[in-house]
Amino acid sequence: MIRIAIAGSDVTACAEPGTSLLTALQRAAYPVATSCGGSATCGLCRLAVTSGRELLTPLVPAEITHLGSIAKVLGLRLACQARCLGAGDVRVEVPEIEDVAARKARKAERLRAQRDRGGPR
């Protein structure tokens, strides 16, 4: 069994070999962004593995597509593609889920303010 510690959180997820990090984190009720449900098409479930990389499956081409060729060096993974291999401890950093509607509202307000000042659009 792998224990997955999440940086900045008291949550620890446990997973059997073959389980994806996304599934393990979701089972532990820890929020992870995803819009594709784990098929590696959205790239939203990116996270950083800060320790225990050797306990996870190697990077797959879909991860390189979303994360870039430097992903291996930085420890970046798609949670839906990184699967647990054995027993031990893994530590991850999971970005906060961004509220897309709030981000769009902030952008609209910023563009409105620029327009009102006669600035660039």
Foldseek 3Di string as FASTA:
>chain_A
DEWEAEPPDPFIFDDDFPDFQVVRCVVSVHDADDDPVQPLPPLRRKKAWPDDLVQWDDADPSQCVNPNPCCVVRRIDRRSRITGHHYDYIYIYGDDDDDVVVVVVVVVVVVVVCVVVVHDD
